[in-house]
Amino acid sequence: MAFPKSGKQSVGVGRQWCGRLGKIDNCQVGVFMAYVSSRGHALVDVELSLPHEWTDDKARMNKAGVPKTHQKFRKRWQLCLDMLDRYGDELPHAWITGDDELGQPARFRRELRDRDERYLLAVPCDTTIRDLEVLPPEPAGTGRKRTRPRRPSQRVDAWTAGRSDSEWTRIDVRDGEKGPIVVDVIRRRVETGQFRATQVTEEVLVVIRYRNRDERTVKTDYYLSNADPETPLESFCRAAKAEHRIEQCLQRGKSEAGLADYEVRNWVGWQHHMTLSLLATWFLTVETRRAEKKDAGHHAPASPSRHRRDPPREPRVRFTPRRRGPHAAAPAPQSTGPLLSLEKP
């Protein structure tokens, strides 16, 4: 999330992409971590992204109070890993999600695999893949055959354009304000990477098409995942669409907790403001949930059944039920799993 600023004194400020303005402008950038489950969602942590013009100027960082431990340049996906390493074990989860800025670096996806984390990360439309379910062409000539058959590589948008209507599956994801939200989805085992024997990775490509009420395609999103290829399509879709909860968290933080309303310039001031805003947002979330429960009980009809203990209900499974910790050797038993989402500016 970007915070537009004027001047050059605010810590981390610089000319960089500002999502709020839709252009490159003078701003600070915070990388947020959020937690989403069927029971609620909230912002968990935030890191301030320092551009090169700051990390290359030690005097400037010292003047702004940047700690020595934070004066080395860190890419935004590295900041995400820092937050995940701090809180991943404390927040049981089933998925790691993020947008295409986080999904694009192969290094980030590899780091998640090394941590035994299951991810569903958006990728740009020009991402290159090789379809593992397409038979490679027969080699011409009589020379030595390749040990790894060479399949044609292509961009994910070109690959998607070549899919027939029969290859797509229609999924009812959730109820929206104007009725059910329906998407078309397709998945395929693919190779990604530099297409060299030591740098190729097998992943699952998930493509989701969103349609409006007139059945016209609104947009197409592309994802890469290390999940089991047999994971239900509904689980991929629900994990992908959970991002609207993160947007709600950020919007609530801005509108009700002053997340973007500050005039501090140094490191400590920025961190204090973000911490208090995240705490305030969490408090509002808890109070809203408590009020909803209270109202539901107050307006419930009087009945003996209200005092009878009902059997426990299984929580709604928003994401595929599996938790694999950093040291786990195998998937955990079936249980409802929430999601950690890493938000870019």
Protein backbone atom coordinates (compact mmCIF):
# COMPACT_ATOMS: atom_id res chain seq x y z
CA MET A 1 0.00 0.00 0.00
CA ALA A 2 1.39 3.39 -1.01
CA PHE A 3 1.10 6.61 0.96
CA PRO A 4 1.48 9.71 -1.27
CA LYS A 5 3.81 12.30 0.27
CA SER A 6 5.35 15.63 -0.65
CA GLY A 7 8.93 16.54 0.14
CA LYS A 8 11.94 14.32 0.77
CA GLN A 9 12.15 14.13 4.56
CA SER A 10 9.65 11.35 5.36
CA VAL A 11 11.46 8.07 5.92
CA GLY A 12 11.44 5.84 2.83
CA VAL A 13 9.80 8.42 0.57
CA GLY A 14 10.73 8.39 -3.10
CA ARG A 15 9.43 8.28 -6.64
CA GLN A 16 7.96 4.81 -6.95
CA TRP A 17 4.76 3.15 -8.07
CA CYS A 18 1.77 4.49 -6.13
CA GLY A 19 -1.26 2.23 -6.43
CA ARG A 20 -3.58 4.85 -4.93
CA LEU A 21 -2.69 7.32 -7.70
CA GLY A 22 -2.13 4.75 -10.45
CA LYS A 23 1.24 6.17 -11.46
CA ILE A 24 4.84 6.66 -10.34
CA ASP A 25 4.89 9.46 -7.80
CA ASN A 26 6.44 10.59 -4.54
CA CYS A 27 5.25 8.19 -1.84
CA GLN A 28 6.08 5.77 0.95
CA VAL A 29 5.31 2.08 0.48
CA GLY A 30 4.19 -0.29 3.20
CA VAL A 31 4.11 -4.06 2.63
CA PHE A 32 1.25 -5.55 4.66
CA MET A 33 0.60 -9.04 5.95
CA ALA A 34 -3.01 -10.06 6.64
CA TYR A 35 -4.74 -13.12 8.05
CA VAL A 36 -8.00 -14.41 6.58
CA SER A 37 -10.23 -17.23 7.77
CA SER A 38 -13.91 -18.11 7.72
CA ARG A 39 -14.21 -16.50 11.16
CA GLY A 40 -12.69 -13.14 10.31
CA HIS A 41 -9.81 -11.23 8.82
CA ALA A 42 -7.32 -8.66 10.04
CA LEU A 43 -4.03 -6.98 9.25
CA VAL A 44 -1.17 -8.63 11.13
CA ASP A 45 2.03 -6.74 10.35
CA VAL A 46 3.62 -4.19 8.05
CA GLU A 47 7.13 -3.43 6.82
CA LEU A 48 8.28 -0.12 5.35
CA SER A 49 9.95 -0.60 1.98
CA LEU A 50 13.14 1.46 1.68
CA PRO A 51 14.18 2.23 -1.93
CA HIS A 52 17.81 2.20 -3.08
CA GLU A 53 18.09 5.97 -2.81
CA TRP A 54 17.62 5.55 0.94
CA THR A 55 19.69 2.44 1.62
CA ASP A 56 22.57 3.92 -0.38
CA ASP A 57 22.59 7.02 1.85
CA LYS A 58 23.59 6.03 5.39
CA ALA A 59 23.57 9.61 6.67
CA ARG A 60 20.00 10.07 5.47
CA MET A 61 18.88 6.86 7.17
CA ASN A 62 20.62 7.74 10.42
CA LYS A 63 18.94 11.16 10.42
CA ALA A 64 15.54 9.47 9.98
CA GLY A 65 16.29 7.04 12.81
CA VAL A 66 16.36 3.87 10.70
CA PRO A 67 17.86 1.08 12.87
CA LYS A 68 21.13 -0.45 11.71
CA THR A 69 19.35 -3.79 11.31
CA HIS A 70 17.04 -2.28 8.67
CA GLN A 71 19.52 -0.24 6.65
CA LYS A 72 20.26 -2.95 4.10
CA PHE A 73 18.16 -2.90 0.93
CA ARG A 74 15.45 -5.55 0.98
CA LYS A 75 13.17 -6.38 -1.91
CA ARG A 76 9.49 -6.43 -1.08
CA TRP A 77 9.22 -10.19 -1.36
CA GLN A 78 12.07 -10.45 1.13
CA LEU A 79 10.11 -8.24 3.53
CA CYS A 80 7.20 -10.64 3.10
CA LEU A 81 9.42 -13.57 4.04
CA ASP A 82 10.62 -11.67 7.11
CA MET A 83 7.03 -11.27 8.32
CA LEU A 84 6.17 -14.86 7.47
CA ASP A 85 9.17 -16.12 9.44
CA ARG A 86 8.11 -14.04 12.43
CA TYR A 87 4.45 -15.03 12.54
CA GLY A 88 3.96 -18.09 10.34
CA ASP A 89 4.24 -20.61 13.17
CA GLU A 90 1.95 -18.57 15.43
CA LEU A 91 -0.81 -18.32 12.82
CA PRO A 92 -1.91 -21.76 11.59
CA HIS A 93 -2.73 -21.41 7.91
CA ALA A 94 -3.33 -23.39 4.74
CA TRP A 95 -2.34 -20.98 1.96
CA ILE A 96 0.04 -18.13 1.23
CA THR A 97 -1.34 -15.72 -1.36
CA GLY A 98 -0.12 -12.53 -2.97
CA ASP A 99 -0.46 -10.45 -6.11
CA ASP A 100 1.61 -10.57 -9.28
CA GLU A 101 4.47 -8.47 -7.89
CA LEU A 102 5.07 -11.24 -5.36
CA GLY A 103 4.25 -14.13 -7.70
CA GLN A 104 6.61 -13.01 -10.45
CA PRO A 105 9.98 -13.64 -8.68
CA ALA A 106 10.79 -17.36 -8.95
CA ARG A 107 13.05 -16.91 -5.93
CA PHE A 108 10.09 -16.01 -3.70
CA ARG A 109 8.16 -19.09 -4.77
CA ARG A 110 11.22 -21.25 -4.18
CA GLU A 111 11.68 -19.79 -0.69
CA LEU A 112 8.08 -20.68 0.12
CA ARG A 113 8.60 -24.23 -1.11
CA ASP A 114 11.74 -24.50 1.02
CA ARG A 115 9.60 -23.47 4.01
CA ASP A 116 7.05 -26.14 3.08
CA GLU A 117 4.38 -23.49 2.54
CA ARG A 118 1.58 -23.98 0.06
CA TYR A 119 1.00 -20.92 -2.10
CA LEU A 120 -1.30 -19.51 -4.73
CA LEU A 121 0.39 -16.45 -6.19
CA ALA A 122 -0.80 -14.25 -9.03
CA VAL A 123 1.62 -13.85 -11.94
CA PRO A 124 1.77 -11.40 -14.89
CA CYS A 125 0.19 -12.31 -18.20
CA ASP A 126 3.61 -12.53 -19.89
CA THR A 127 4.83 -15.32 -17.60
CA THR A 128 6.31 -18.14 -19.70
CA ILE A 129 5.33 -21.76 -19.10
CA ARG A 130 5.51 -25.20 -20.70
CA ASP A 131 2.40 -27.35 -20.64
CA LEU A 132 3.31 -30.74 -19.16
CA GLU A 133 0.06 -32.28 -20.38
CA VAL A 134 0.95 -31.67 -24.03
CA LEU A 135 2.99 -34.35 -25.74
CA PRO A 136 6.36 -33.01 -26.95
CA PRO A 137 6.97 -33.10 -30.70
CA GLU A 138 8.88 -36.05 -32.08
CA PRO A 139 12.56 -35.20 -32.60
CA ALA A 140 13.63 -34.86 -36.20
CA GLY A 141 16.65 -36.70 -37.57
CA THR A 142 18.54 -39.68 -36.22
CA GLY A 143 20.68 -38.01 -33.58
CA ARG A 144 20.77 -38.65 -29.86
CA LYS A 145 17.39 -38.29 -28.17
CA ARG A 146 16.97 -35.75 -25.39
CA THR A 147 16.66 -37.04 -21.82
CA ARG A 148 14.06 -34.31 -21.15
CA PRO A 149 11.52 -33.91 -23.97
CA ARG A 150 11.38 -30.30 -25.12
CA ARG A 151 7.85 -28.95 -25.05
CA PRO A 152 7.01 -25.60 -26.63
CA SER A 153 7.08 -22.62 -24.27
CA GLN A 154 4.50 -19.85 -24.41
CA ARG A 155 3.07 -16.98 -22.43
CA VAL A 156 0.21 -17.78 -20.09
CA ASP A 157 -2.13 -15.38 -21.89
CA ALA A 158 -1.38 -17.03 -25.24
CA TRP A 159 -1.84 -20.46 -23.68
CA THR A 160 -5.18 -19.36 -22.22
CA ALA A 161 -6.38 -17.99 -25.56
CA GLY A 162 -5.89 -21.45 -27.06
CA ARG A 163 -8.21 -23.21 -24.61
CA SER A 164 -11.57 -24.44 -25.88
CA ASP A 165 -14.79 -23.73 -23.97
CA SER A 166 -15.07 -27.39 -22.98
CA GLU A 167 -11.82 -27.21 -21.01
CA TRP A 168 -13.16 -24.64 -18.54
CA THR A 169 -15.12 -25.42 -15.38
CA ARG A 170 -17.71 -23.02 -14.02
CA ILE A 171 -17.55 -22.47 -10.25
CA ASP A 172 -19.95 -20.63 -7.94
CA VAL A 173 -17.47 -18.97 -5.59
CA ARG A 174 -19.61 -17.00 -3.15
CA ASP A 175 -22.66 -14.77 -2.85
CA GLY A 176 -22.12 -11.17 -3.86
CA GLU A 177 -24.23 -8.05 -3.43
CA LYS A 178 -25.86 -8.59 -6.84
CA GLY A 179 -26.11 -12.36 -6.70
CA PRO A 180 -23.74 -15.34 -6.88
CA ILE A 181 -20.23 -14.70 -8.15
CA VAL A 182 -19.47 -17.21 -10.89
CA VAL A 183 -16.07 -17.79 -12.45
CA ASP A 184 -14.59 -20.04 -15.11
CA VAL A 185 -11.43 -21.83 -14.06
CA ILE A 186 -8.85 -24.12 -15.63
CA ARG A 187 -5.68 -25.65 -14.22
CA ARG A 188 -2.71 -27.39 -15.76
CA ARG A 189 0.59 -28.90 -14.68
CA VAL A 190 3.34 -26.73 -16.13
CA GLU A 191 7.06 -26.11 -16.04
CA THR A 192 8.35 -22.67 -15.11
CA GLY A 193 11.82 -21.17 -14.80
CA GLN A 194 14.72 -20.79 -17.20
CA PHE A 195 13.92 -24.14 -18.85
CA ARG A 196 17.31 -25.60 -18.02
CA ALA A 197 17.62 -29.00 -16.40
CA THR A 198 18.68 -27.55 -13.04
CA GLN A 199 16.35 -24.54 -13.02
CA VAL A 200 12.99 -25.92 -14.14
CA THR A 201 10.20 -26.15 -11.58
CA GLU A 202 6.95 -28.06 -11.89
CA GLU A 203 3.98 -26.02 -10.68
CA VAL A 204 0.24 -25.79 -11.22
CA LEU A 205 -1.06 -23.01 -13.44
CA VAL A 206 -4.52 -21.80 -12.41
CA VAL A 207 -6.39 -19.41 -14.69
CA ILE A 208 -9.60 -17.76 -13.48
CA ARG A 209 -11.96 -15.78 -15.72
CA TYR A 210 -14.43 -13.44 -14.07
CA ARG A 211 -17.64 -12.58 -15.89
CA ASN A 212 -20.17 -9.82 -15.42
CA ARG A 213 -23.93 -10.30 -15.31
CA ASP A 214 -24.13 -10.14 -19.11
CA GLU A 215 -21.82 -13.17 -19.37
CA ARG A 216 -19.05 -11.08 -20.88
CA THR A 217 -15.52 -11.68 -19.68
CA VAL A 218 -14.47 -8.94 -17.26
CA LYS A 219 -10.89 -9.97 -16.58
CA THR A 220 -8.59 -12.97 -16.45
CA ASP A 221 -6.18 -13.68 -13.61
CA TYR A 222 -3.24 -16.08 -13.72
CA TYR A 223 -1.78 -17.94 -10.73
CA LEU A 224 1.01 -20.39 -9.99
CA SER A 225 0.78 -22.85 -7.13
CA ASN A 226 2.74 -25.70 -5.61
CA ALA A 227 -0.44 -27.37 -4.37
CA ASP A 228 -1.37 -30.92 -5.27
CA PRO A 229 -2.65 -30.88 -8.88
CA GLU A 230 -5.75 -32.73 -7.65
CA THR A 231 -6.70 -29.91 -5.26
CA PRO A 232 -10.40 -29.08 -5.80
CA LEU A 233 -10.94 -26.15 -8.14
CA GLU A 234 -13.25 -24.58 -5.57
CA SER A 235 -10.34 -24.35 -3.14
CA PHE A 236 -8.17 -22.53 -5.68
CA CYS A 237 -10.99 -20.10 -6.44
CA ARG A 238 -11.80 -19.35 -2.83
CA ALA A 239 -8.18 -18.76 -1.96
CA ALA A 240 -7.77 -16.47 -4.97
CA LYS A 241 -10.87 -14.43 -4.17
CA ALA A 242 -10.05 -14.06 -0.47
CA GLU A 243 -8.03 -11.00 -1.47
CA HIS A 244 -11.17 -8.86 -1.27
CA ARG A 245 -11.02 -9.40 2.50
CA ILE A 246 -7.56 -7.88 2.53
CA GLU A 247 -8.85 -4.88 0.63
CA GLN A 248 -11.58 -4.54 3.26
CA CYS A 249 -8.96 -4.59 6.00
CA LEU A 250 -6.96 -1.83 4.34
CA GLN A 251 -10.05 0.22 3.58
CA ARG A 252 -11.25 -0.06 7.15
CA GLY A 253 -7.83 0.90 8.44
CA LYS A 254 -7.82 4.02 6.27
CA SER A 255 -11.41 5.11 6.86
CA GLU A 256 -11.86 4.22 10.55
CA ALA A 257 -8.38 3.96 12.09
CA GLY A 258 -6.45 6.69 10.28
CA LEU A 259 -4.00 4.26 8.68
CA ALA A 260 -3.01 6.76 5.98
CA ASP A 261 -3.47 9.93 8.06
CA TYR A 262 -0.15 10.86 9.62
CA GLU A 263 2.48 13.58 9.45
CA VAL A 264 5.42 11.82 11.08
CA ARG A 265 8.76 11.77 9.32
CA ASN A 266 11.12 9.45 11.19
CA TRP A 267 11.24 5.68 11.49
CA VAL A 268 9.94 5.39 15.05
CA GLY A 269 7.02 7.73 14.40
CA TRP A 270 5.96 5.76 11.31
CA GLN A 271 6.20 2.44 13.14
CA HIS A 272 4.23 3.76 16.12
CA HIS A 273 1.46 5.09 13.90
CA MET A 274 1.18 1.84 11.93
CA THR A 275 1.16 -0.25 15.10
CA LEU A 276 -1.63 1.80 16.69
CA SER A 277 -3.65 1.81 13.46
CA LEU A 278 -3.38 -1.98 13.13
CA LEU A 279 -4.41 -2.41 16.78
CA ALA A 280 -7.34 -0.03 16.32
CA THR A 281 -8.46 -1.88 13.20
CA TRP A 282 -8.30 -5.19 15.05
CA PHE A 283 -10.31 -3.72 17.96
CA LEU A 284 -13.00 -2.48 15.58
CA THR A 285 -13.14 -5.88 13.88
CA VAL A 286 -13.59 -7.68 17.21
CA GLU A 287 -16.22 -5.21 18.44
CA THR A 288 -18.18 -5.47 15.19
CA ARG A 289 -18.19 -9.24 15.42
CA ARG A 290 -19.26 -9.12 19.08
CA ALA A 291 -22.10 -6.72 18.27
CA GLU A 292 -23.32 -8.96 15.45
CA LYS A 293 -23.45 -11.94 17.80
CA LYS A 294 -25.28 -9.88 20.44
CA ASP A 295 -27.84 -8.60 17.93
CA ALA A 296 -28.41 -12.09 16.58
CA GLY A 297 -29.13 -13.38 20.08
CA HIS A 298 -31.33 -10.41 21.00
CA HIS A 299 -33.63 -10.78 18.01
CA ALA A 300 -33.84 -14.57 18.08
CA PRO A 301 -37.36 -15.92 18.78
CA ALA A 302 -38.05 -17.29 22.24
CA SER A 303 -37.96 -21.05 22.07
CA PRO A 304 -36.84 -23.96 24.26
CA SER A 305 -34.44 -24.84 21.48
CA ARG A 306 -32.48 -21.67 22.26
CA HIS A 307 -31.38 -23.22 25.54
CA ARG A 308 -30.54 -26.62 24.12
CA ARG A 309 -26.90 -27.35 23.42
CA ASP A 310 -26.58 -28.08 19.72
CA PRO A 311 -23.90 -30.39 18.38
CA PRO A 312 -20.78 -28.53 17.19
CA ARG A 313 -20.94 -27.37 13.60
CA GLU A 314 -18.04 -27.77 11.29
CA PRO A 315 -16.72 -24.33 10.28
CA ARG A 316 -17.08 -23.32 6.67
CA VAL A 317 -14.05 -24.47 4.76
CA ARG A 318 -12.88 -21.45 2.82
CA PHE A 319 -9.60 -23.00 1.77
CA THR A 320 -8.29 -26.49 1.23
CA PRO A 321 -7.79 -27.99 4.71
CA ARG A 322 -4.09 -28.62 5.03
CA ARG A 323 -1.36 -27.11 7.20
CA ARG A 324 2.26 -27.85 6.50
CA GLY A 325 4.63 -26.23 8.93
CA PRO A 326 8.27 -25.49 8.15
CA HIS A 327 9.39 -28.80 9.68
CA ALA A 328 6.39 -30.97 8.81
CA ALA A 329 7.10 -34.04 6.73
CA ALA A 330 3.54 -34.68 5.60
CA PRO A 331 0.17 -32.89 5.38
CA ALA A 332 -1.78 -32.55 8.61
CA PRO A 333 -5.18 -34.24 9.06
CA GLN A 334 -8.18 -32.61 7.43
CA SER A 335 -9.18 -29.37 9.17
CA THR A 336 -10.32 -25.91 8.22
CA GLY A 337 -7.42 -23.71 7.21
CA PRO A 338 -7.20 -19.94 6.88
CA LEU A 339 -4.92 -17.92 4.70
CA LEU A 340 -1.99 -15.57 5.02
CA SER A 341 -1.95 -12.87 2.39
CA LEU A 342 0.92 -10.59 1.52
CA GLU A 343 -0.18 -7.29 0.05
CA LYS A 344 1.87 -5.11 -2.28
CA PRO A 345 1.43 -1.34 -2.74
